[in-house]
Amino acid sequence: MADQPALHVLFPANRAPDGYAERMALALEAQGQKVLRHALPGGYPRLDPSALLAADIALSRLPDGARVLVDGGALPGLAAALAMDSRRLRLVALVERLLWREPGLTEEEAAARRHLEQGALALMRAVVVPDAASGRAVADLGLAPETAVVLSPDAAGAARLDSLWGA
């Protein structure tokens, strides 16, 4: 893995330090993968225009062909830019849980988040999830069942992640 270019990981800056995406990044580093973390500013998942602009800029600065892991919590800030950059970047999402299912959302907020997640996840080469229940939730968005790949955030999961990038 040492001869491969760096792997970019996009996180919300306010993420939990022990979340699924962070644990996967640590497992990749333990295998010798160079991981570059990009913290996206703002109060995810509710963002102001400056946070959306910062997310757009962060994505646009990644080199063509870059392998990019996107923390599912970062999708609200990146959704607009993903459509423009999905062809030049090799995107894989890490989704611990779907944002539209968060408790306390109004019906309108949940519907808006569901559509956002559905569109953003459809642009990914794969959606990596920690368990079968999360995989079913991704499939329930109307994505092909094989889109969701269950990987543990450990050495075995990190080793299998390499196969998801494609050519």
C-alpha atoms as a PDB file:
ATOM      1  CA  MET A   1       0.000   0.000   0.000  1.00  0.00           C
ATOM      2  CA  ALA A   2       2.899   2.362   0.600  1.00  0.00           C
ATOM      3  CA  ASP A   3       3.385   2.977  -3.138  1.00  0.00           C
ATOM      4  CA  GLN A   4      -0.243   4.025  -3.632  1.00  0.00           C
ATOM      5  CA  PRO A   5      -1.220   7.688  -3.605  1.00  0.00           C
ATOM      6  CA  ALA A   6      -2.751   9.045  -0.420  1.00  0.00           C
ATOM      7  CA  LEU A   7      -6.320   8.254   0.465  1.00  0.00           C
ATOM      8  CA  HIS A   8      -8.404  11.328   1.251  1.00  0.00           C
ATOM      9  CA  VAL A   9     -11.054  11.176   3.972  1.00  0.00           C
ATOM     10  CA  LEU A  10     -13.663  13.943   4.244  1.00  0.00           C
ATOM     11  CA  PHE A  11     -15.187  14.361   7.711  1.00  0.00           C
ATOM     12  CA  PRO A  12     -17.391  16.960   9.362  1.00  0.00           C
ATOM     13  CA  ALA A  13     -15.123  18.904  11.729  1.00  0.00           C
ATOM     14  CA  ASN A  14     -17.640  18.302  14.554  1.00  0.00           C
ATOM     15  CA  ARG A  15     -17.551  14.499  14.152  1.00  0.00           C
ATOM     16  CA  ALA A  16     -17.375  12.065  17.032  1.00  0.00           C
ATOM     17  CA  PRO A  17     -13.723  11.097  17.537  1.00  0.00           C
ATOM     18  CA  ASP A  18     -14.543   7.375  17.695  1.00  0.00           C
ATOM     19  CA  GLY A  19     -16.995   7.187  14.789  1.00  0.00           C
ATOM     20  CA  TYR A  20     -17.040   4.537  12.081  1.00  0.00           C
ATOM     21  CA  ALA A  21     -15.162   6.624   9.492  1.00  0.00           C
ATOM     22  CA  GLU A  22     -12.415   7.562  11.946  1.00  0.00           C
ATOM     23  CA  ARG A  23     -11.971   3.943  13.053  1.00  0.00           C
ATOM     24  CA  MET A  24     -11.742   2.869   9.394  1.00  0.00           C
ATOM     25  CA  ALA A  25      -9.132   5.591   8.709  1.00  0.00           C
ATOM     26  CA  LEU A  26      -7.082   4.359  11.683  1.00  0.00           C
ATOM     27  CA  ALA A  27      -7.284   0.760  10.417  1.00  0.00           C
ATOM     28  CA  LEU A  28      -6.064   1.889   6.992  1.00  0.00           C
ATOM     29  CA  GLU A  29      -3.152   3.772   8.563  1.00  0.00           C
ATOM     30  CA  ALA A  30      -2.253   0.705  10.626  1.00  0.00           C
ATOM     31  CA  GLN A  31      -1.842  -1.159   7.326  1.00  0.00           C
ATOM     32  CA  GLY A  32       0.572   1.473   6.042  1.00  0.00           C
ATOM     33  CA  GLN A  33      -1.890   3.495   3.957  1.00  0.00           C
ATOM     34  CA  LYS A  34      -1.233   7.227   3.842  1.00  0.00           C
ATOM     35  CA  VAL A  35      -4.504   8.858   4.931  1.00  0.00           C
ATOM     36  CA  LEU A  36      -5.105  12.578   4.544  1.00  0.00           C
ATOM     37  CA  ARG A  37      -7.968  13.841   6.696  1.00  0.00           C
ATOM     38  CA  HIS A  38      -9.964  16.859   5.549  1.00  0.00           C
ATOM     39  CA  ALA A  39     -12.169  18.362   8.276  1.00  0.00           C
ATOM     40  CA  LEU A  40     -15.126  20.242   6.834  1.00  0.00           C
ATOM     41  CA  PRO A  41     -16.166  23.252   8.940  1.00  0.00           C
ATOM     42  CA  GLY A  42     -19.681  23.957  10.069  1.00  0.00           C
ATOM     43  CA  GLY A  43     -22.379  22.610  12.346  1.00  0.00           C
ATOM     44  CA  TYR A  44     -23.202  19.406  10.493  1.00  0.00           C
ATOM     45  CA  PRO A  45     -25.767  18.361   9.482  1.00  0.00           C
ATOM     46  CA  ARG A  46     -27.356  21.852   9.524  1.00  0.00           C
ATOM     47  CA  LEU A  47     -25.072  24.148   7.562  1.00  0.00           C
ATOM     48  CA  ASP A  48     -24.801  27.783   6.659  1.00  0.00           C
ATOM     49  CA  PRO A  49     -23.718  29.010   3.190  1.00  0.00           C
ATOM     50  CA  SER A  50     -20.083  29.519   4.258  1.00  0.00           C
ATOM     51  CA  ALA A  51     -19.807  25.877   5.348  1.00  0.00           C
ATOM     52  CA  LEU A  52     -21.297  24.741   2.017  1.00  0.00           C
ATOM     53  CA  LEU A  53     -18.760  26.870   0.147  1.00  0.00           C
ATOM     54  CA  ALA A  54     -15.902  25.458   2.237  1.00  0.00           C
ATOM     55  CA  ALA A  55     -17.050  21.902   1.452  1.00  0.00           C
ATOM     56  CA  ASP A  56     -17.228  22.702  -2.277  1.00  0.00           C
ATOM     57  CA  ILE A  57     -13.707  24.152  -2.187  1.00  0.00           C
ATOM     58  CA  ALA A  58     -12.311  21.172  -0.258  1.00  0.00           C
ATOM     59  CA  LEU A  59     -13.716  18.725  -2.810  1.00  0.00           C
ATOM     60  CA  SER A  60     -12.554  20.788  -5.796  1.00  0.00           C
ATOM     61  CA  ARG A  61      -8.966  20.840  -4.484  1.00  0.00           C
ATOM     62  CA  LEU A  62      -8.618  17.054  -4.502  1.00  0.00           C
ATOM     63  CA  PRO A  63      -6.518  15.754  -7.407  1.00  0.00           C
ATOM     64  CA  ASP A  64      -8.187  14.061 -10.371  1.00  0.00           C
ATOM     65  CA  GLY A  65      -8.480  10.307  -9.837  1.00  0.00           C
ATOM     66  CA  ALA A  66      -8.079  10.621  -6.060  1.00  0.00           C
ATOM     67  CA  ARG A  67      -9.470   7.865  -3.869  1.00  0.00           C
ATOM     68  CA  VAL A  68     -11.873   9.601  -1.484  1.00  0.00           C
ATOM     69  CA  LEU A  69     -13.737   8.248   1.519  1.00  0.00           C
ATOM     70  CA  VAL A  70     -16.687  10.422   2.476  1.00  0.00           C
ATOM     71  CA  ASP A  71     -18.009  10.197   6.031  1.00  0.00           C
ATOM     72  CA  GLY A  72     -21.798   9.885   5.726  1.00  0.00           C
ATOM     73  CA  GLY A  73     -22.137  12.785   8.132  1.00  0.00           C
ATOM     74  CA  ALA A  74     -20.403  15.042   5.576  1.00  0.00           C
ATOM     75  CA  LEU A  75     -22.978  14.412   2.847  1.00  0.00           C
ATOM     76  CA  PRO A  76     -25.110  17.524   3.591  1.00  0.00           C
ATOM     77  CA  GLY A  77     -22.168  19.814   2.884  1.00  0.00           C
ATOM     78  CA  LEU A  78     -20.888  17.924  -0.125  1.00  0.00           C
ATOM     79  CA  ALA A  79     -24.100  16.929  -1.885  1.00  0.00           C
ATOM     80  CA  ALA A  80     -24.085  19.740  -4.455  1.00  0.00           C
ATOM     81  CA  ALA A  81     -20.393  19.380  -5.322  1.00  0.00           C
ATOM     82  CA  LEU A  82     -20.491  15.581  -5.513  1.00  0.00           C
ATOM     83  CA  ALA A  83     -22.512  15.678  -8.726  1.00  0.00           C
ATOM     84  CA  MET A  84     -19.822  17.789 -10.399  1.00  0.00           C
ATOM     85  CA  ASP A  85     -16.832  15.869  -9.038  1.00  0.00           C
ATOM     86  CA  SER A  86     -18.108  12.279  -9.030  1.00  0.00           C
ATOM     87  CA  ARG A  87     -16.629  11.533 -12.462  1.00  0.00           C
ATOM     88  CA  ARG A  88     -13.135  12.818 -11.686  1.00  0.00           C
ATOM     89  CA  LEU A  89     -12.851  11.354  -8.165  1.00  0.00           C
ATOM     90  CA  ARG A  90     -13.146   7.763  -6.951  1.00  0.00           C
ATOM     91  CA  LEU A  91     -15.727   8.179  -4.194  1.00  0.00           C
ATOM     92  CA  VAL A  92     -16.715   5.670  -1.526  1.00  0.00           C
ATOM     93  CA  ALA A  93     -19.028   6.607   1.350  1.00  0.00           C
ATOM     94  CA  LEU A  94     -18.631   5.402   4.937  1.00  0.00           C
ATOM     95  CA  VAL A  95     -22.123   5.401   6.454  1.00  0.00           C
ATOM     96  CA  GLU A  96     -22.576   4.470  10.080  1.00  0.00           C
ATOM     97  CA  ARG A  97     -26.219   5.573  10.031  1.00  0.00           C
ATOM     98  CA  LEU A  98     -28.471   7.498   7.683  1.00  0.00           C
ATOM     99  CA  LEU A  99     -29.079  11.115   8.641  1.00  0.00           C
ATOM    100  CA  TRP A 100     -32.704  11.159   7.565  1.00  0.00           C
ATOM    101  CA  ARG A 101     -33.488   8.635  10.312  1.00  0.00           C
ATOM    102  CA  GLU A 102     -32.204  10.856  13.126  1.00  0.00           C
ATOM    103  CA  PRO A 103     -34.762  11.316  15.919  1.00  0.00           C
ATOM    104  CA  GLY A 104     -36.435  14.675  16.371  1.00  0.00           C
ATOM    105  CA  LEU A 105     -36.697  15.631  12.700  1.00  0.00           C
ATOM    106  CA  THR A 106     -39.931  16.963  11.321  1.00  0.00           C
ATOM    107  CA  GLU A 107     -41.459  15.008   8.463  1.00  0.00           C
ATOM    108  CA  GLU A 108     -40.303  17.702   6.039  1.00  0.00           C
ATOM    109  CA  GLU A 109     -36.730  17.698   7.398  1.00  0.00           C
ATOM    110  CA  ALA A 110     -36.558  13.897   7.219  1.00  0.00           C
ATOM    111  CA  ALA A 111     -37.832  13.889   3.620  1.00  0.00           C
ATOM    112  CA  ALA A 112     -35.289  16.539   2.579  1.00  0.00           C
ATOM    113  CA  ARG A 113     -32.419  14.623   4.187  1.00  0.00           C
ATOM    114  CA  ARG A 114     -33.608  11.352   2.649  1.00  0.00           C
ATOM    115  CA  HIS A 115     -33.565  12.839  -0.856  1.00  0.00           C
ATOM    116  CA  LEU A 116     -30.169  14.409  -0.231  1.00  0.00           C
ATOM    117  CA  GLU A 117     -28.660  11.144   1.003  1.00  0.00           C
ATOM    118  CA  GLN A 118     -30.266   9.115  -1.752  1.00  0.00           C
ATOM    119  CA  GLY A 119     -28.829  11.386  -4.454  1.00  0.00           C
ATOM    120  CA  ALA A 120     -25.372  11.682  -2.911  1.00  0.00           C
ATOM    121  CA  LEU A 121     -25.021   7.960  -2.207  1.00  0.00           C
ATOM    122  CA  ALA A 122     -26.094   7.113  -5.758  1.00  0.00           C
ATOM    123  CA  LEU A 123     -22.905   8.871  -6.961  1.00  0.00           C
ATOM    124  CA  MET A 124     -20.604   6.618  -4.935  1.00  0.00           C
ATOM    125  CA  ARG A 125     -18.710   3.572  -6.231  1.00  0.00           C
ATOM    126  CA  ALA A 126     -19.781   1.847  -3.030  1.00  0.00           C
ATOM    127  CA  VAL A 127     -21.380   2.624   0.313  1.00  0.00           C
ATOM    128  CA  VAL A 128     -19.459   1.003   3.148  1.00  0.00           C
ATOM    129  CA  VAL A 129     -21.537   0.230   6.231  1.00  0.00           C
ATOM    130  CA  PRO A 130     -20.714  -1.393   9.595  1.00  0.00           C
ATOM    131  CA  ASP A 131     -23.508  -3.977   9.639  1.00  0.00           C
ATOM    132  CA  ALA A 132     -26.279  -5.690   7.658  1.00  0.00           C
ATOM    133  CA  ALA A 133     -29.002  -3.468   9.138  1.00  0.00           C
ATOM    134  CA  SER A 134     -27.234  -0.370   7.788  1.00  0.00           C
ATOM    135  CA  GLY A 135     -26.866  -2.136   4.442  1.00  0.00           C
ATOM    136  CA  ARG A 136     -30.607  -2.757   4.312  1.00  0.00           C
ATOM    137  CA  ALA A 137     -31.260   0.897   5.159  1.00  0.00           C
ATOM    138  CA  VAL A 138     -29.087   1.945   2.203  1.00  0.00           C
ATOM    139  CA  ALA A 139     -30.930  -0.500  -0.079  1.00  0.00           C
ATOM    140  CA  ASP A 140     -34.234   0.954   1.206  1.00  0.00           C
ATOM    141  CA  LEU A 141     -33.182   4.256  -0.393  1.00  0.00           C
ATOM    142  CA  GLY A 142     -33.647   2.551  -3.746  1.00  0.00           C
ATOM    143  CA  LEU A 143     -29.959   1.881  -4.344  1.00  0.00           C
ATOM    144  CA  ALA A 144     -28.916  -1.497  -5.707  1.00  0.00           C
ATOM    145  CA  PRO A 145     -28.418  -3.934  -2.797  1.00  0.00           C
ATOM    146  CA  GLU A 146     -24.823  -4.621  -3.911  1.00  0.00           C
ATOM    147  CA  THR A 147     -24.015  -0.907  -3.477  1.00  0.00           C
ATOM    148  CA  ALA A 148     -23.826  -1.397   0.290  1.00  0.00           C
ATOM    149  CA  VAL A 149     -20.771  -3.330   1.445  1.00  0.00           C
ATOM    150  CA  VAL A 150     -20.506  -4.399   5.084  1.00  0.00           C
ATOM    151  CA  LEU A 151     -16.963  -3.839   6.396  1.00  0.00           C
ATOM    152  CA  SER A 152     -15.771  -3.831   9.967  1.00  0.00           C
ATOM    153  CA  PRO A 153     -13.569  -0.858  10.957  1.00  0.00           C
ATOM    154  CA  ASP A 154     -10.532  -3.067  11.545  1.00  0.00           C
ATOM    155  CA  ALA A 155      -7.643  -4.644   9.630  1.00  0.00           C
ATOM    156  CA  ALA A 156      -9.905  -7.115   7.795  1.00  0.00           C
ATOM    157  CA  GLY A 157     -12.322  -4.386   6.705  1.00  0.00           C
ATOM    158  CA  ALA A 158      -9.495  -2.051   5.668  1.00  0.00           C
ATOM    159  CA  ALA A 159      -7.926  -4.812   3.578  1.00  0.00           C
ATOM    160  CA  ARG A 160     -11.206  -5.409   1.725  1.00  0.00           C
ATOM    161  CA  LEU A 161     -11.738  -1.697   1.107  1.00  0.00           C
ATOM    162  CA  ASP A 162      -9.071  -1.653  -1.612  1.00  0.00           C
ATOM    163  CA  SER A 163     -11.245  -3.768  -3.906  1.00  0.00           C
ATOM    164  CA  LEU A 164     -13.970  -1.113  -3.965  1.00  0.00           C
ATOM    165  CA  TRP A 165     -12.041   1.584  -5.822  1.00  0.00           C
ATOM    166  CA  GLY A 166     -12.228   0.006  -9.262  1.00  0.00           C
ATOM    167  CA  ALA A 167      -9.993   1.026 -12.121  1.00  0.00           C
END
